[in-house]
Amino acid sequence: MTTPLKNVVMAVDGVTEVFPARTLWQRLPARAVAVLNRQGTEPEDDALVDVRDQDGRTQVTVRVGVSAEARTPDVVRGVAAAVRKHFAPADVSVKVTVARIAPAGPVQDGSHDA
């Protein structure tokens, strides 16, 4: 995810973190190929936000952590609205998944992926 788009998502009240758009299980095949090919770069599917163009419509997928104090539905709507505004005037479909509901603050050690 580009830094400006990450900043857009993180600016939404109640968002505590942004996770890779694909779950660990979805990313494992690309990681295995990268290891076997000894590539020095991370696989492309480790992107925090998945942005795809399909038939002239932009499809965006984002996974977030939400503060326990926040109303999760409001945060999800806020993230979708912020992403749409970021891509305006493009026709954008946004899928927001809540990967974790936790108190606001730093991520606990060992909890890098949900």
N, C-alpha and C. Protein backbone atom coordinates (compact mmCIF):
# COMPACT_ATOMS: atom_id res chain seq x y z
N MET A 1 0.86 -1.17 0.00
CA MET A 1 0.00 0.00 0.00
C MET A 1 0.90 1.23 0.00
N THR A 2 0.51 2.21 -0.76
CA THR A 2 1.28 3.45 -0.76
C THR A 2 1.09 4.17 0.56
N THR A 3 2.08 4.94 0.94
CA THR A 3 2.01 5.66 2.21
C THR A 3 0.80 6.58 2.28
N PRO A 4 0.47 7.35 1.20
CA PRO A 4 -0.72 8.21 1.31
C PRO A 4 -2.01 7.42 1.58
N LEU A 5 -2.18 6.26 0.95
CA LEU A 5 -3.40 5.49 1.18
C LEU A 5 -3.40 4.89 2.58
N LYS A 6 -2.26 4.45 3.05
CA LYS A 6 -2.17 3.95 4.44
C LYS A 6 -2.53 5.07 5.41
N ASN A 7 -2.03 6.26 5.15
CA ASN A 7 -2.35 7.40 6.01
C ASN A 7 -3.84 7.72 6.00
N VAL A 8 -4.48 7.56 4.85
CA VAL A 8 -5.92 7.80 4.73
C VAL A 8 -6.67 6.82 5.63
N VAL A 9 -6.29 5.54 5.58
CA VAL A 9 -6.97 4.52 6.39
C VAL A 9 -6.68 4.74 7.88
N MET A 10 -5.42 5.00 8.22
CA MET A 10 -5.05 5.17 9.62
C MET A 10 -5.66 6.44 10.23
N ALA A 11 -6.03 7.42 9.39
CA ALA A 11 -6.62 8.66 9.88
C ALA A 11 -8.07 8.49 10.32
N VAL A 12 -8.68 7.38 9.97
CA VAL A 12 -10.08 7.15 10.36
C VAL A 12 -10.12 6.85 11.86
N ASP A 13 -10.96 7.59 12.56
CA ASP A 13 -11.09 7.43 14.01
C ASP A 13 -11.49 5.99 14.34
N GLY A 14 -10.70 5.35 15.20
CA GLY A 14 -11.00 3.98 15.63
C GLY A 14 -10.11 2.93 14.99
N VAL A 15 -9.42 3.27 13.90
CA VAL A 15 -8.50 2.32 13.26
C VAL A 15 -7.21 2.31 14.06
N THR A 16 -6.78 1.12 14.47
CA THR A 16 -5.55 0.99 15.25
C THR A 16 -4.38 0.48 14.43
N GLU A 17 -4.67 -0.26 13.34
CA GLU A 17 -3.60 -0.79 12.49
C GLU A 17 -4.19 -1.25 11.17
N VAL A 18 -3.30 -1.45 10.20
CA VAL A 18 -3.69 -1.96 8.90
C VAL A 18 -2.92 -3.26 8.67
N PHE A 19 -3.63 -4.31 8.31
CA PHE A 19 -3.04 -5.61 8.06
C PHE A 19 -2.90 -5.83 6.56
N PRO A 20 -2.04 -6.76 6.14
CA PRO A 20 -2.00 -7.10 4.71
C PRO A 20 -3.41 -7.48 4.23
N ALA A 21 -3.74 -7.04 3.03
CA ALA A 21 -5.09 -7.26 2.49
C ALA A 21 -5.43 -8.75 2.38
N ARG A 22 -4.42 -9.55 2.12
CA ARG A 22 -4.63 -11.00 2.04
C ARG A 22 -4.19 -11.65 3.34
N THR A 23 -4.92 -12.68 3.77
CA THR A 23 -4.57 -13.38 4.98
C THR A 23 -3.26 -14.15 4.78
N LEU A 24 -2.69 -14.61 5.87
CA LEU A 24 -1.44 -15.37 5.80
C LEU A 24 -1.56 -16.56 4.86
N TRP A 25 -2.67 -17.26 4.94
CA TRP A 25 -2.86 -18.45 4.09
C TRP A 25 -2.91 -18.09 2.62
N GLN A 26 -3.43 -16.93 2.29
CA GLN A 26 -3.47 -16.49 0.90
C GLN A 26 -2.10 -16.04 0.43
N ARG A 27 -1.23 -15.60 1.35
CA ARG A 27 0.09 -15.10 0.98
C ARG A 27 1.16 -16.18 0.94
N LEU A 28 0.92 -17.34 1.57
CA LEU A 28 1.95 -18.37 1.67
C LEU A 28 2.49 -18.85 0.32
N PRO A 29 1.66 -19.12 -0.68
CA PRO A 29 2.22 -19.59 -1.96
C PRO A 29 3.23 -18.61 -2.57
N ALA A 30 2.92 -17.33 -2.55
CA ALA A 30 3.84 -16.34 -3.12
C ALA A 30 5.12 -16.26 -2.30
N ARG A 31 5.00 -16.39 -0.99
CA ARG A 31 6.20 -16.38 -0.14
C ARG A 31 7.08 -17.59 -0.44
N ALA A 32 6.46 -18.75 -0.63
CA ALA A 32 7.22 -19.96 -0.93
C ALA A 32 7.98 -19.80 -2.24
N VAL A 33 7.32 -19.25 -3.24
CA VAL A 33 7.98 -19.02 -4.54
C VAL A 33 9.14 -18.05 -4.37
N ALA A 34 8.95 -17.00 -3.60
CA ALA A 34 10.01 -16.02 -3.39
C ALA A 34 11.22 -16.65 -2.70
N VAL A 35 10.96 -17.52 -1.73
CA VAL A 35 12.06 -18.20 -1.04
C VAL A 35 12.79 -19.13 -2.00
N LEU A 36 12.03 -19.90 -2.77
CA LEU A 36 12.64 -20.84 -3.71
C LEU A 36 13.44 -20.13 -4.79
N ASN A 37 12.97 -18.98 -5.22
CA ASN A 37 13.67 -18.21 -6.25
C ASN A 37 14.71 -17.28 -5.66
N ARG A 38 14.79 -17.24 -4.33
CA ARG A 38 15.74 -16.39 -3.60
C ARG A 38 15.65 -14.93 -4.03
N GLN A 39 14.43 -14.48 -4.19
CA GLN A 39 14.22 -13.08 -4.55
C GLN A 39 14.49 -12.21 -3.33
N GLY A 40 15.07 -11.05 -3.58
CA GLY A 40 15.39 -10.13 -2.48
C GLY A 40 14.23 -9.25 -2.09
N THR A 41 13.13 -9.30 -2.83
CA THR A 41 12.00 -8.43 -2.53
C THR A 41 10.85 -9.24 -1.98
N GLU A 42 9.99 -8.56 -1.26
CA GLU A 42 8.79 -9.19 -0.72
C GLU A 42 7.80 -9.44 -1.87
N PRO A 43 7.02 -10.51 -1.78
CA PRO A 43 6.00 -10.76 -2.80
C PRO A 43 5.01 -9.61 -2.87
N GLU A 44 4.48 -9.38 -4.06
CA GLU A 44 3.56 -8.26 -4.28
C GLU A 44 2.29 -8.39 -3.46
N ASP A 45 1.86 -9.63 -3.15
CA ASP A 45 0.60 -9.80 -2.45
C ASP A 45 0.69 -9.54 -0.95
N ASP A 46 1.83 -9.01 -0.49
CA ASP A 46 1.94 -8.58 0.90
C ASP A 46 1.41 -7.16 1.07
N ALA A 47 0.85 -6.59 0.02
CA ALA A 47 0.36 -5.22 0.06
C ALA A 47 -0.69 -5.07 1.16
N LEU A 48 -0.62 -3.95 1.85
CA LEU A 48 -1.59 -3.71 2.91
C LEU A 48 -2.98 -3.45 2.36
N VAL A 49 -3.06 -2.87 1.20
CA VAL A 49 -4.36 -2.65 0.56
C VAL A 49 -4.27 -3.22 -0.84
N ASP A 50 -5.26 -4.01 -1.21
CA ASP A 50 -5.30 -4.61 -2.54
C ASP A 50 -6.16 -3.70 -3.42
N VAL A 51 -5.56 -3.12 -4.45
CA VAL A 51 -6.27 -2.24 -5.38
C VAL A 51 -6.23 -2.88 -6.75
N ARG A 52 -7.40 -3.16 -7.31
CA ARG A 52 -7.50 -3.79 -8.62
C ARG A 52 -8.48 -3.04 -9.50
N ASP A 53 -8.19 -3.02 -10.78
CA ASP A 53 -9.11 -2.42 -11.76
C ASP A 53 -9.80 -3.56 -12.48
N GLN A 54 -11.12 -3.61 -12.38
CA GLN A 54 -11.88 -4.66 -13.05
C GLN A 54 -13.03 -4.02 -13.82
N ASP A 55 -12.94 -4.13 -15.14
CA ASP A 55 -13.97 -3.59 -16.03
C ASP A 55 -14.22 -2.11 -15.79
N GLY A 56 -13.15 -1.34 -15.59
CA GLY A 56 -13.27 0.09 -15.40
C GLY A 56 -13.67 0.53 -14.01
N ARG A 57 -13.81 -0.41 -13.11
CA ARG A 57 -14.16 -0.09 -11.73
C ARG A 57 -13.01 -0.49 -10.81
N THR A 58 -12.65 0.39 -9.91
CA THR A 58 -11.59 0.12 -8.97
C THR A 58 -12.16 -0.66 -7.79
N GLN A 59 -11.52 -1.78 -7.47
CA GLN A 59 -11.92 -2.59 -6.32
C GLN A 59 -10.80 -2.54 -5.29
N VAL A 60 -11.15 -2.14 -4.09
CA VAL A 60 -10.16 -1.98 -3.02
C VAL A 60 -10.54 -2.90 -1.86
N THR A 61 -9.53 -3.64 -1.36
CA THR A 61 -9.72 -4.50 -0.20
C THR A 61 -8.74 -4.07 0.87
N VAL A 62 -9.25 -3.88 2.09
CA VAL A 62 -8.40 -3.46 3.21
C VAL A 62 -8.83 -4.22 4.47
N ARG A 63 -7.84 -4.61 5.28
CA ARG A 63 -8.09 -5.28 6.56
C ARG A 63 -7.52 -4.39 7.66
N VAL A 64 -8.35 -4.12 8.67
CA VAL A 64 -7.94 -3.18 9.71
C VAL A 64 -8.13 -3.77 11.10
N GLY A 65 -7.45 -3.16 12.04
CA GLY A 65 -7.70 -3.38 13.45
C GLY A 65 -8.52 -2.22 13.96
N VAL A 66 -9.43 -2.49 14.88
CA VAL A 66 -10.34 -1.47 15.40
C VAL A 66 -10.20 -1.41 16.91
N SER A 67 -10.20 -0.22 17.44
CA SER A 67 -10.15 -0.02 18.88
C SER A 67 -11.40 -0.58 19.54
N ALA A 68 -11.23 -1.18 20.70
CA ALA A 68 -12.37 -1.73 21.43
C ALA A 68 -13.35 -0.65 21.84
N GLU A 69 -12.86 0.57 21.97
CA GLU A 69 -13.72 1.68 22.38
C GLU A 69 -14.56 2.22 21.23
N ALA A 70 -14.18 1.91 20.01
CA ALA A 70 -14.88 2.44 18.83
C ALA A 70 -16.06 1.55 18.46
N ARG A 71 -17.04 2.15 17.79
CA ARG A 71 -18.15 1.37 17.23
C ARG A 71 -17.68 0.81 15.90
N THR A 72 -17.50 -0.50 15.83
CA THR A 72 -16.93 -1.16 14.66
C THR A 72 -17.67 -0.82 13.36
N PRO A 73 -19.00 -0.86 13.33
CA PRO A 73 -19.68 -0.51 12.07
C PRO A 73 -19.36 0.91 11.60
N ASP A 74 -19.24 1.84 12.54
CA ASP A 74 -18.90 3.22 12.18
C ASP A 74 -17.49 3.31 11.60
N VAL A 75 -16.57 2.55 12.18
CA VAL A 75 -15.19 2.55 11.68
C VAL A 75 -15.14 1.97 10.27
N VAL A 76 -15.84 0.87 10.04
CA VAL A 76 -15.86 0.24 8.72
C VAL A 76 -16.43 1.20 7.68
N ARG A 77 -17.54 1.86 8.02
CA ARG A 77 -18.11 2.84 7.09
C ARG A 77 -17.15 4.00 6.87
N GLY A 78 -16.47 4.43 7.91
CA GLY A 78 -15.51 5.53 7.80
C GLY A 78 -14.34 5.18 6.90
N VAL A 79 -13.82 3.95 7.03
CA VAL A 79 -12.72 3.51 6.17
C VAL A 79 -13.18 3.48 4.71
N ALA A 80 -14.34 2.90 4.46
CA ALA A 80 -14.86 2.83 3.08
C ALA A 80 -15.04 4.23 2.50
N ALA A 81 -15.59 5.14 3.28
CA ALA A 81 -15.80 6.51 2.79
C ALA A 81 -14.47 7.21 2.53
N ALA A 82 -13.48 7.00 3.40
CA ALA A 82 -12.17 7.64 3.22
C ALA A 82 -11.47 7.11 1.98
N VAL A 83 -11.57 5.82 1.74
CA VAL A 83 -10.95 5.22 0.53
C VAL A 83 -11.64 5.74 -0.72
N ARG A 84 -12.98 5.80 -0.70
CA ARG A 84 -13.71 6.33 -1.87
C ARG A 84 -13.32 7.78 -2.15
N LYS A 85 -13.21 8.57 -1.10
CA LYS A 85 -12.82 9.97 -1.26
C LYS A 85 -11.40 10.07 -1.84
N HIS A 86 -10.51 9.19 -1.39
CA HIS A 86 -9.12 9.18 -1.87
C HIS A 86 -9.07 8.92 -3.38
N PHE A 87 -9.95 8.04 -3.87
CA PHE A 87 -9.95 7.67 -5.29
C PHE A 87 -10.92 8.49 -6.12
N ALA A 88 -11.67 9.40 -5.51
CA ALA A 88 -12.67 10.20 -6.24
C ALA A 88 -12.02 10.92 -7.41
N PRO A 89 -12.69 11.02 -8.51
CA PRO A 89 -14.07 10.69 -8.82
C PRO A 89 -14.26 9.29 -9.39
N ALA A 90 -13.27 8.42 -9.26
CA ALA A 90 -13.37 7.05 -9.80
C ALA A 90 -14.51 6.28 -9.13
N ASP A 91 -15.05 5.33 -9.89
CA ASP A 91 -16.08 4.43 -9.37
C ASP A 91 -15.36 3.35 -8.57
N VAL A 92 -15.53 3.35 -7.24
CA VAL A 92 -14.76 2.48 -6.37
C VAL A 92 -15.67 1.59 -5.53
N SER A 93 -15.32 0.30 -5.49
CA SER A 93 -15.97 -0.65 -4.61
C SER A 93 -14.97 -0.97 -3.51
N VAL A 94 -15.40 -0.87 -2.25
CA VAL A 94 -14.47 -1.06 -1.12
C VAL A 94 -14.95 -2.20 -0.24
N LYS A 95 -14.04 -3.13 0.04
CA LYS A 95 -14.31 -4.22 0.97
C LYS A 95 -13.41 -3.99 2.19
N VAL A 96 -14.03 -3.80 3.35
CA VAL A 96 -13.29 -3.59 4.59
C VAL A 96 -13.56 -4.78 5.50
N THR A 97 -12.48 -5.40 5.96
CA THR A 97 -12.57 -6.52 6.89
C THR A 97 -11.91 -6.12 8.19
N VAL A 98 -12.57 -6.41 9.29
CA VAL A 98 -11.98 -6.15 10.60
C VAL A 98 -11.23 -7.42 11.01
N ALA A 99 -9.92 -7.30 11.12
CA ALA A 99 -9.08 -8.44 11.46
C ALA A 99 -8.87 -8.57 12.96
N ARG A 100 -9.04 -7.47 13.69
CA ARG A 100 -8.81 -7.51 15.13
C ARG A 100 -9.56 -6.36 15.79
N ILE A 101 -10.14 -6.64 16.95
CA ILE A 101 -10.71 -5.58 17.78
C ILE A 101 -9.88 -5.59 19.06
N ALA A 102 -9.18 -4.50 19.28
CA ALA A 102 -8.26 -4.44 20.41
C ALA A 102 -8.17 -3.02 20.93
N PRO A 103 -7.70 -2.86 22.15
CA PRO A 103 -7.51 -1.51 22.67
C PRO A 103 -6.55 -0.72 21.80
N ALA A 104 -6.77 0.57 21.69
CA ALA A 104 -5.87 1.43 20.91
C ALA A 104 -4.50 1.42 21.56
N GLY A 105 -3.49 1.55 20.73
CA GLY A 105 -2.13 1.57 21.24
C GLY A 105 -1.24 0.67 20.42
N PRO A 106 -0.01 0.49 20.86
CA PRO A 106 0.93 -0.33 20.09
C PRO A 106 0.48 -1.77 20.01
N VAL A 107 0.85 -2.43 18.91
CA VAL A 107 0.54 -3.84 18.71
C VAL A 107 1.40 -4.65 19.66
N GLN A 108 0.80 -5.64 20.32
CA GLN A 108 1.55 -6.50 21.24
C GLN A 108 2.54 -7.36 20.47
N ASP A 109 3.67 -7.66 21.09
CA ASP A 109 4.70 -8.47 20.47
C ASP A 109 4.15 -9.83 20.06
N GLY A 110 4.46 -10.26 18.82
CA GLY A 110 4.02 -11.55 18.33
C GLY A 110 2.66 -11.55 17.69
N SER A 111 2.04 -10.41 17.52
CA SER A 111 0.70 -10.34 16.94
C SER A 111 0.73 -9.53 15.65
N HIS A 112 1.52 -9.98 14.70
CA HIS A 112 1.70 -9.24 13.45
C HIS A 112 0.63 -9.53 12.41
N ASP A 113 -0.09 -10.62 12.53
CA ASP A 113 -1.08 -10.97 11.51
C ASP A 113 -2.26 -11.63 12.20
N ALA A 114 -3.44 -11.34 11.65
CA ALA A 114 -4.64 -11.96 12.20
C ALA A 114 -5.20 -12.94 11.22
